[in-house]
Protein backbone atom coordinates (compact mmCIF):
# COMPACT_ATOMS: atom_id res chain seq x y z
CA LEU A 1 -0.18 -0.05 -0.07
CA GLU A 2 2.67 2.41 0.81
CA LYS A 3 4.47 1.78 -2.73
CA LYS A 4 1.16 2.62 -4.46
CA GLY A 5 0.86 5.61 -2.49
CA ILE A 6 -2.38 4.68 -0.68
CA LEU A 7 -0.61 4.42 2.85
CA ARG A 8 1.66 7.11 4.42
CA HIS A 9 3.42 6.72 7.88
CA ILE A 10 5.45 9.25 9.44
CA ARG A 11 7.67 8.07 12.13
CA VAL A 12 9.22 10.30 14.87
CA ALA A 13 12.27 8.80 16.82
CA ASN A 14 14.79 10.35 19.15
CA GLU A 15 18.44 9.71 18.79
CA GLY A 16 19.34 7.48 21.78
CA ASP A 17 15.77 5.76 21.97
CA VAL A 18 16.31 1.98 21.75
CA VAL A 19 12.50 0.89 21.16
CA PRO A 20 12.53 1.83 17.56
CA THR A 21 15.44 -0.40 16.88
CA ASN A 22 16.84 -3.54 15.02
CA GLU A 23 20.03 -5.62 15.51
CA ILE A 24 18.88 -6.20 19.02
CA PRO A 25 21.45 -8.26 20.98
CA LEU A 26 21.16 -10.63 23.91
CA PRO A 27 19.65 -10.68 26.48
CA PHE A 28 17.26 -7.83 25.02
CA SER A 29 16.30 -10.15 21.94
CA LEU A 30 14.87 -12.76 24.30
CA ALA A 31 11.71 -10.68 24.46
CA LEU A 32 11.39 -10.94 20.75
CA ALA A 33 10.07 -13.26 18.16
CA GLY A 34 12.28 -13.71 15.02
CA ASN A 35 15.45 -12.32 13.83
CA SER A 36 15.67 -8.57 14.76
CA HIS A 37 18.26 -8.13 12.11
CA GLU A 38 15.71 -8.40 9.44
CA TYR A 39 13.47 -5.99 10.90
CA THR A 40 12.91 -2.58 9.34
CA GLN A 41 10.35 -0.06 9.96
CA ASN A 42 8.18 1.22 7.20
CA GLY A 43 7.45 4.97 6.57
CA VAL A 44 9.30 8.23 6.71
CA ASN A 45 11.20 8.59 9.95
CA LEU A 46 11.91 12.02 11.47
CA HIS A 47 14.97 11.32 13.57
CA LEU A 48 15.22 13.96 16.12
CA PHE A 49 18.64 14.94 17.74
CA PRO A 50 19.06 16.73 21.09
CA ASP A 51 20.97 19.34 19.71
CA LYS A 52 20.98 19.61 15.81
CA GLU A 53 18.61 19.41 12.76
CA LEU A 54 16.45 16.62 12.36
CA ALA A 55 17.10 13.75 9.74
CA VAL A 56 14.57 12.75 7.33
CA ASP A 57 14.83 9.43 5.52
CA TYR A 58 12.81 6.51 4.41
CA ARG A 59 13.34 3.31 6.27
CA ASN A 60 16.29 4.33 8.49
CA THR A 61 15.86 2.17 11.34
CA LYS A 62 18.67 2.27 13.71
CA PRO A 63 20.60 -0.60 15.15
CA PHE A 64 20.12 -1.31 18.90
CA SER A 65 23.89 -0.53 19.54
CA SER A 66 24.08 2.94 17.92
CA GLN A 67 21.06 3.85 20.29
CA PHE A 68 21.87 2.49 23.68
CA PHE A 69 23.97 4.18 26.13
CA TYR A 70 25.99 1.27 27.68
CA LEU A 71 27.50 3.42 30.45
CA ASN A 72 24.27 5.13 31.39
CA PRO A 73 21.09 2.85 30.50
CA MET A 74 18.80 5.22 32.16
CA LYS A 75 19.66 7.89 29.74
CA SER A 76 18.50 5.41 26.99
CA ALA A 77 15.12 5.14 28.75
CA GLU A 78 14.87 8.90 29.16
CA THR A 79 15.27 9.38 25.29
CA HIS A 80 11.82 7.51 25.05
CA TYR A 81 9.86 9.88 27.29
CA VAL A 82 7.08 12.03 25.65
CA THR A 83 8.63 15.25 27.34
CA GLU A 84 12.00 14.46 25.51
CA TYR A 85 10.15 14.01 22.32
CA ILE A 86 8.33 17.51 22.93
CA ARG A 87 11.86 19.17 23.81
CA ARG A 88 13.27 17.91 20.60
CA VAL A 89 10.54 18.73 18.33
CA GLU A 90 10.47 22.25 19.79
CA LEU A 91 13.92 22.72 19.85
CA PRO A 92 15.84 24.05 17.88
CA ALA A 93 12.69 25.19 16.01
CA ASN A 94 14.81 27.57 13.74
CA LYS A 95 16.43 24.49 12.27
CA ASN A 96 13.45 21.97 12.21
CA SER A 97 10.56 24.52 11.32
CA SER A 98 10.83 24.09 7.61
CA CYS A 99 10.09 20.36 7.89
CA TYR A 100 7.31 20.89 10.17
CA GLN A 101 5.53 23.26 7.31
CA LYS A 102 5.56 20.33 4.78
CA THR A 103 2.73 18.09 3.82
CA VAL A 104 3.20 14.44 4.11
CA GLU A 105 3.63 14.02 0.49
CA GLU A 106 6.36 16.43 0.56
CA ILE A 107 8.06 15.05 3.26
CA TYR A 108 7.82 11.54 1.42
CA ALA A 109 9.35 13.37 -1.68
CA HIS A 110 12.20 14.92 0.38
CA ALA A 111 12.96 11.26 1.90
CA GLY A 112 13.34 9.48 -1.54
CA ASP A 113 12.45 6.49 -2.99
CA CYS A 114 9.83 4.36 -0.88
CA THR A 115 9.34 1.88 -3.41
CA ASN A 116 12.12 -0.54 -2.25
């Protein structure tokens, strides 16, 4: 449906949030069925950073290892809080506001080919 333009999905993910990831190692992978290395999320991802412009890309699912703070696991949990999403959406508004003004179709066009 997405390839035909019928379904559109915008995902918002924080840098450091381990929930929307793949390539999940043991022991975390024990909670999942199947091989997490094969997992990818559909839709366009607005990947929010704490201090720079967001990244817009199609199917840019991040590996667990790039998102998890091994020295401070609570920091990984904090990046999943709604308050942290709100903070990153709002700041820095001057860098991200142009993306927020676009329609879903314009964001898909900016992200590139969604037919793969």
